Amino acid sequence: MSVTSDFYLARAAECEREAQATTLENVRDRCRRSEAAWREMAARMVKGETMRVTLAAEKQAKEGIAQ
């Protein structure tokens, strides 16, 4: 199974809903920390995807010039 940024964002949204639904402060804090971690993982995934696309385009352009 390939993990995407959408997966991470869905988990973050789930944690956000759990945080809003609970009345226990320690559970709410845990959910908020989890939400932040999932969002950070999503941001890293997007950054990596963007970097791969950019590097592939640069490589293709460079190969086109060399021919």
PDB file of N, CA and C in Angstrom:
ATOM      1  N   MET A   1       0.841  -1.189   0.000  1.00  0.00           N
ATOM      2  CA  MET A   1       0.000   0.000   0.000  1.00  0.00           C
ATOM      3  C   MET A   1       0.877   1.241   0.000  1.00  0.00           C
ATOM      4  N   SER A   2       0.585   2.131  -0.887  1.00  0.00           N
ATOM      5  CA  SER A   2       1.321   3.375  -0.987  1.00  0.00           C
ATOM      6  C   SER A   2       0.609   4.453  -0.164  1.00  0.00           C
ATOM      7  N   VAL A   3       1.354   5.082   0.699  1.00  0.00           N
ATOM      8  CA  VAL A   3       0.788   6.122   1.562  1.00  0.00           C
ATOM      9  C   VAL A   3       0.884   7.459   0.837  1.00  0.00           C
ATOM     10  N   THR A   4      -0.181   8.223   0.876  1.00  0.00           N
ATOM     11  CA  THR A   4      -0.203   9.539   0.242  1.00  0.00           C
ATOM     12  C   THR A   4      -0.445  10.615   1.293  1.00  0.00           C
ATOM     13  N   SER A   5      -0.294  11.854   0.876  1.00  0.00           N
ATOM     14  CA  SER A   5      -0.554  12.963   1.793  1.00  0.00           C
ATOM     15  C   SER A   5      -2.030  12.984   2.197  1.00  0.00           C
ATOM     16  N   ASP A   6      -2.899  12.510   1.318  1.00  0.00           N
ATOM     17  CA  ASP A   6      -4.332  12.450   1.654  1.00  0.00           C
ATOM     18  C   ASP A   6      -4.584  11.534   2.849  1.00  0.00           C
ATOM     19  N   PHE A   7      -3.851  10.437   2.924  1.00  0.00           N
ATOM     20  CA  PHE A   7      -3.973   9.525   4.060  1.00  0.00           C
ATOM     21  C   PHE A   7      -3.618  10.248   5.356  1.00  0.00           C
ATOM     22  N   TYR A   8      -2.491  10.962   5.335  1.00  0.00           N
ATOM     23  CA  TYR A   8      -2.054  11.696   6.521  1.00  0.00           C
ATOM     24  C   TYR A   8      -3.065  12.774   6.917  1.00  0.00           C
ATOM     25  N   LEU A   9      -3.584  13.471   5.929  1.00  0.00           N
ATOM     26  CA  LEU A   9      -4.564  14.523   6.217  1.00  0.00           C
ATOM     27  C   LEU A   9      -5.872  13.946   6.759  1.00  0.00           C
ATOM     28  N   ALA A  10      -6.250  12.772   6.290  1.00  0.00           N
ATOM     29  CA  ALA A  10      -7.457  12.120   6.817  1.00  0.00           C
ATOM     30  C   ALA A  10      -7.270  11.743   8.272  1.00  0.00           C
ATOM     31  N   ARG A  11      -6.092  11.240   8.629  1.00  0.00           N
ATOM     32  CA  ARG A  11      -5.815  10.903  10.033  1.00  0.00           C
ATOM     33  C   ARG A  11      -5.819  12.166  10.892  1.00  0.00           C
ATOM     34  N   ALA A  12      -5.274  13.267  10.365  1.00  0.00           N
ATOM     35  CA  ALA A  12      -5.266  14.534  11.103  1.00  0.00           C
ATOM     36  C   ALA A  12      -6.692  15.008  11.354  1.00  0.00           C
ATOM     37  N   ALA A  13      -7.541  14.897  10.351  1.00  0.00           N
ATOM     38  CA  ALA A  13      -8.940  15.311  10.504  1.00  0.00           C
ATOM     39  C   ALA A  13      -9.651  14.442  11.540  1.00  0.00           C
ATOM     40  N   GLU A  14      -9.332  13.165  11.540  1.00  0.00           N
ATOM     41  CA  GLU A  14      -9.920  12.248  12.528  1.00  0.00           C
ATOM     42  C   GLU A  14      -9.508  12.651  13.945  1.00  0.00           C
ATOM     43  N   CYS A  15      -8.237  12.978  14.116  1.00  0.00           N
ATOM     44  CA  CYS A  15      -7.752  13.419  15.429  1.00  0.00           C
ATOM     45  C   CYS A  15      -8.417  14.725  15.853  1.00  0.00           C
ATOM     46  N   GLU A  16      -8.619  15.610  14.902  1.00  0.00           N
ATOM     47  CA  GLU A  16      -9.283  16.880  15.197  1.00  0.00           C
ATOM     48  C   GLU A  16     -10.714  16.636  15.687  1.00  0.00           C
ATOM     49  N   ARG A  17     -11.427  15.744  15.009  1.00  0.00           N
ATOM     50  CA  ARG A  17     -12.804  15.414  15.428  1.00  0.00           C
ATOM     51  C   ARG A  17     -12.818  14.798  16.826  1.00  0.00           C
ATOM     52  N   GLU A  18     -11.870  13.917  17.089  1.00  0.00           N
ATOM     53  CA  GLU A  18     -11.787  13.300  18.414  1.00  0.00           C
ATOM     54  C   GLU A  18     -11.508  14.345  19.491  1.00  0.00           C
ATOM     55  N   ALA A  19     -10.645  15.294  19.182  1.00  0.00           N
ATOM     56  CA  ALA A  19     -10.316  16.351  20.142  1.00  0.00           C
ATOM     57  C   ALA A  19     -11.540  17.203  20.454  1.00  0.00           C
ATOM     58  N   GLN A  20     -12.330  17.490  19.429  1.00  0.00           N
ATOM     59  CA  GLN A  20     -13.522  18.301  19.633  1.00  0.00           C
ATOM     60  C   GLN A  20     -14.606  17.538  20.400  1.00  0.00           C
ATOM     61  N   ALA A  21     -14.612  16.224  20.258  1.00  0.00           N
ATOM     62  CA  ALA A  21     -15.674  15.417  20.859  1.00  0.00           C
ATOM     63  C   ALA A  21     -15.433  15.087  22.324  1.00  0.00           C
ATOM     64  N   THR A  22     -14.199  15.133  22.760  1.00  0.00           N
ATOM     65  CA  THR A  22     -13.897  14.705  24.125  1.00  0.00           C
ATOM     66  C   THR A  22     -14.066  15.832  25.137  1.00  0.00           C
ATOM     67  N   THR A  23     -14.344  15.438  26.358  1.00  0.00           N
ATOM     68  CA  THR A  23     -14.439  16.413  27.449  1.00  0.00           C
ATOM     69  C   THR A  23     -13.209  16.346  28.354  1.00  0.00           C
ATOM     70  N   LEU A  24     -12.362  15.363  28.122  1.00  0.00           N
ATOM     71  CA  LEU A  24     -11.167  15.186  28.952  1.00  0.00           C
ATOM     72  C   LEU A  24      -9.996  15.974  28.375  1.00  0.00           C
ATOM     73  N   GLU A  25      -9.434  16.835  29.190  1.00  0.00           N
ATOM     74  CA  GLU A  25      -8.369  17.722  28.720  1.00  0.00           C
ATOM     75  C   GLU A  25      -7.139  16.949  28.252  1.00  0.00           C
ATOM     76  N   ASN A  26      -6.740  15.904  28.995  1.00  0.00           N
ATOM     77  CA  ASN A  26      -5.551  15.157  28.599  1.00  0.00           C
ATOM     78  C   ASN A  26      -5.764  14.409  27.276  1.00  0.00           C
ATOM     79  N   VAL A  27      -6.968  13.924  27.035  1.00  0.00           N
ATOM     80  CA  VAL A  27      -7.278  13.262  25.771  1.00  0.00           C
ATOM     81  C   VAL A  27      -7.284  14.280  24.642  1.00  0.00           C
ATOM     82  N   ARG A  28      -7.845  15.444  24.906  1.00  0.00           N
ATOM     83  CA  ARG A  28      -7.869  16.515  23.906  1.00  0.00           C
ATOM     84  C   ARG A  28      -6.447  16.922  23.528  1.00  0.00           C
ATOM     85  N   ASP A  29      -5.575  17.064  24.536  1.00  0.00           N
ATOM     86  CA  ASP A  29      -4.182  17.422  24.272  1.00  0.00           C
ATOM     87  C   ASP A  29      -3.486  16.350  23.432  1.00  0.00           C
ATOM     88  N   ARG A  30      -3.726  15.094  23.765  1.00  0.00           N
ATOM     89  CA  ARG A  30      -3.130  13.999  23.006  1.00  0.00           C
ATOM     90  C   ARG A  30      -3.604  14.029  21.557  1.00  0.00           C
ATOM     91  N   CYS A  31      -4.888  14.258  21.360  1.00  0.00           N
ATOM     92  CA  CYS A  31      -5.446  14.324  20.003  1.00  0.00           C
ATOM     93  C   CYS A  31      -4.858  15.493  19.226  1.00  0.00           C
ATOM     94  N   ARG A  32      -4.690  16.619  19.868  1.00  0.00           N
ATOM     95  CA  ARG A  32      -4.112  17.791  19.199  1.00  0.00           C
ATOM     96  C   ARG A  32      -2.652  17.530  18.802  1.00  0.00           C
ATOM     97  N   ARG A  33      -1.899  16.859  19.681  1.00  0.00           N
ATOM     98  CA  ARG A  33      -0.512  16.522  19.342  1.00  0.00           C
ATOM     99  C   ARG A  33      -0.469  15.557  18.167  1.00  0.00           C
ATOM    100  N   SER A  34      -1.361  14.584  18.182  1.00  0.00           N
ATOM    101  CA  SER A  34      -1.426  13.625  17.081  1.00  0.00           C
ATOM    102  C   SER A  34      -1.809  14.324  15.782  1.00  0.00           C
ATOM    103  N   GLU A  35      -2.763  15.209  15.870  1.00  0.00           N
ATOM    104  CA  GLU A  35      -3.188  15.962  14.683  1.00  0.00           C
ATOM    105  C   GLU A  35      -2.006  16.729  14.094  1.00  0.00           C
ATOM    106  N   ALA A  36      -1.255  17.397  14.958  1.00  0.00           N
ATOM    107  CA  ALA A  36      -0.101  18.173  14.487  1.00  0.00           C
ATOM    108  C   ALA A  36       0.937  17.258  13.830  1.00  0.00           C
ATOM    109  N   ALA A  37       1.151  16.093  14.412  1.00  0.00           N
ATOM    110  CA  ALA A  37       2.126  15.155  13.840  1.00  0.00           C
ATOM    111  C   ALA A  37       1.675  14.657  12.469  1.00  0.00           C
ATOM    112  N   TRP A  38       0.393  14.318  12.331  1.00  0.00           N
ATOM    113  CA  TRP A  38      -0.127  13.862  11.040  1.00  0.00           C
ATOM    114  C   TRP A  38      -0.015  14.964   9.990  1.00  0.00           C
ATOM    115  N   ARG A  39      -0.306  16.196  10.381  1.00  0.00           N
ATOM    116  CA  ARG A  39      -0.214  17.312   9.426  1.00  0.00           C
ATOM    117  C   ARG A  39       1.246  17.550   8.999  1.00  0.00           C
ATOM    118  N   GLU A  40       2.169  17.390   9.926  1.00  0.00           N
ATOM    119  CA  GLU A  40       3.588  17.537   9.601  1.00  0.00           C
ATOM    120  C   GLU A  40       4.022  16.438   8.625  1.00  0.00           C
ATOM    121  N   MET A  41       3.565  15.217   8.847  1.00  0.00           N
ATOM    122  CA  MET A  41       3.892  14.130   7.925  1.00  0.00           C
ATOM    123  C   MET A  41       3.316  14.402   6.531  1.00  0.00           C
ATOM    124  N   ALA A  42       2.114  14.956   6.478  1.00  0.00           N
ATOM    125  CA  ALA A  42       1.505  15.297   5.192  1.00  0.00           C
ATOM    126  C   ALA A  42       2.333  16.372   4.485  1.00  0.00           C
ATOM    127  N   ALA A  43       2.763  17.365   5.235  1.00  0.00           N
ATOM    128  CA  ALA A  43       3.563  18.443   4.648  1.00  0.00           C
ATOM    129  C   ALA A  43       4.882  17.902   4.103  1.00  0.00           C
ATOM    130  N   ARG A  44       5.508  16.987   4.839  1.00  0.00           N
ATOM    131  CA  ARG A  44       6.753  16.385   4.364  1.00  0.00           C
ATOM    132  C   ARG A  44       6.520  15.571   3.095  1.00  0.00           C
ATOM    133  N   MET A  45       5.404  14.863   3.052  1.00  0.00           N
ATOM    134  CA  MET A  45       5.077  14.051   1.882  1.00  0.00           C
ATOM    135  C   MET A  45       4.890  14.952   0.656  1.00  0.00           C
ATOM    136  N   VAL A  46       4.160  16.042   0.815  1.00  0.00           N
ATOM    137  CA  VAL A  46       3.936  16.976  -0.293  1.00  0.00           C
ATOM    138  C   VAL A  46       5.269  17.580  -0.751  1.00  0.00           C
ATOM    139  N   LYS A  47       6.105  17.943   0.202  1.00  0.00           N
ATOM    140  CA  LYS A  47       7.406  18.516  -0.135  1.00  0.00           C
ATOM    141  C   LYS A  47       8.237  17.505  -0.926  1.00  0.00           C
ATOM    142  N   GLY A  48       8.236  16.256  -0.501  1.00  0.00           N
ATOM    143  CA  GLY A  48       8.982  15.213  -1.203  1.00  0.00           C
ATOM    144  C   GLY A  48       8.439  14.967  -2.596  1.00  0.00           C
ATOM    145  N   GLU A  49       7.112  14.935  -2.717  1.00  0.00           N
ATOM    146  CA  GLU A  49       6.490  14.738  -4.032  1.00  0.00           C
ATOM    147  C   GLU A  49       6.858  15.883  -4.972  1.00  0.00           C
ATOM    148  N   THR A  50       6.808  17.098  -4.464  1.00  0.00           N
ATOM    149  CA  THR A  50       7.148  18.280  -5.256  1.00  0.00           C
ATOM    150  C   THR A  50       8.607  18.234  -5.691  1.00  0.00           C
ATOM    151  N   MET A  51       9.485  17.854  -4.778  1.00  0.00           N
ATOM    152  CA  MET A  51      10.908  17.778  -5.086  1.00  0.00           C
ATOM    153  C   MET A  51      11.176  16.725  -6.160  1.00  0.00           C
ATOM    154  N   ARG A  52      10.515  15.570  -6.069  1.00  0.00           N
ATOM    155  CA  ARG A  52      10.707  14.525  -7.073  1.00  0.00           C
ATOM    156  C   ARG A  52      10.278  14.997  -8.463  1.00  0.00           C
ATOM    157  N   VAL A  53       9.153  15.683  -8.530  1.00  0.00           N
ATOM    158  CA  VAL A  53       8.661  16.193  -9.816  1.00  0.00           C
ATOM    159  C   VAL A  53       9.637  17.228 -10.386  1.00  0.00           C
ATOM    160  N   THR A  54      10.110  18.116  -9.532  1.00  0.00           N
ATOM    161  CA  THR A  54      11.050  19.152  -9.966  1.00  0.00           C
ATOM    162  C   THR A  54      12.347  18.542 -10.469  1.00  0.00           C
ATOM    163  N   LEU A  55      12.891  17.585  -9.720  1.00  0.00           N
ATOM    164  CA  LEU A  55      14.141  16.946 -10.130  1.00  0.00           C
ATOM    165  C   LEU A  55      13.977  16.164 -11.425  1.00  0.00           C
ATOM    166  N   ALA A  56      12.844  15.500 -11.597  1.00  0.00           N
ATOM    167  CA  ALA A  56      12.587  14.759 -12.837  1.00  0.00           C
ATOM    168  C   ALA A  56      12.507  15.708 -14.025  1.00  0.00           C
ATOM    169  N   ALA A  57      11.863  16.851 -13.836  1.00  0.00           N
ATOM    170  CA  ALA A  57      11.755  17.839 -14.914  1.00  0.00           C
ATOM    171  C   ALA A  57      13.122  18.413 -15.265  1.00  0.00           C
ATOM    172  N   GLU A  58      13.926  18.679 -14.237  1.00  0.00           N
ATOM    173  CA  GLU A  58      15.274  19.206 -14.484  1.00  0.00           C
ATOM    174  C   GLU A  58      16.125  18.173 -15.214  1.00  0.00           C
ATOM    175  N   LYS A  59      16.005  16.922 -14.821  1.00  0.00           N
ATOM    176  CA  LYS A  59      16.770  15.848 -15.468  1.00  0.00           C
ATOM    177  C   LYS A  59      16.352  15.707 -16.923  1.00  0.00           C
ATOM    178  N   GLN A  60      15.059  15.755 -17.166  1.00  0.00           N
ATOM    179  CA  GLN A  60      14.552  15.625 -18.531  1.00  0.00           C
ATOM    180  C   GLN A  60      15.039  16.804 -19.384  1.00  0.00           C
ATOM    181  N   ALA A  61      15.008  17.994 -18.833  1.00  0.00           N
ATOM    182  CA  ALA A  61      15.474  19.180 -19.561  1.00  0.00           C
ATOM    183  C   ALA A  61      16.974  19.075 -19.855  1.00  0.00           C
ATOM    184  N   LYS A  62      17.722  18.609 -18.887  1.00  0.00           N
ATOM    185  CA  LYS A  62      19.161  18.466 -19.062  1.00  0.00           C
ATOM    186  C   LYS A  62      19.473  17.433 -20.132  1.00  0.00           C
ATOM    187  N   GLU A  63      18.758  16.322 -20.140  1.00  0.00           N
ATOM    188  CA  GLU A  63      18.972  15.290 -21.146  1.00  0.00           C
ATOM    189  C   GLU A  63      18.581  15.797 -22.529  1.00  0.00           C
ATOM    190  N   GLY A  64      17.568  16.627 -22.597  1.00  0.00           N
ATOM    191  CA  GLY A  64      17.145  17.200 -23.864  1.00  0.00           C
ATOM    192  C   GLY A  64      18.194  18.128 -24.453  1.00  0.00           C
ATOM    193  N   ILE A  65      18.890  18.850 -23.604  1.00  0.00           N
ATOM    194  CA  ILE A  65      19.949  19.767 -24.039  1.00  0.00           C
ATOM    195  C   ILE A  65      21.153  18.978 -24.520  1.00  0.00           C
ATOM    196  N   ALA A  66      21.465  17.874 -23.836  1.00  0.00           N
ATOM    197  CA  ALA A  66      22.660  17.094 -24.169  1.00  0.00           C
ATOM    198  C   ALA A  66      22.514  16.378 -25.512  1.00  0.00           C
ATOM    199  N   GLN A  67      21.315  16.119 -25.964  1.00  0.00           N
ATOM    200  CA  GLN A  67      21.134  15.382 -27.209  1.00  0.00           C
ATOM    201  C   GLN A  67      21.298  16.247 -28.357  1.00  0.00           C
TER     202      GLN A  67
END
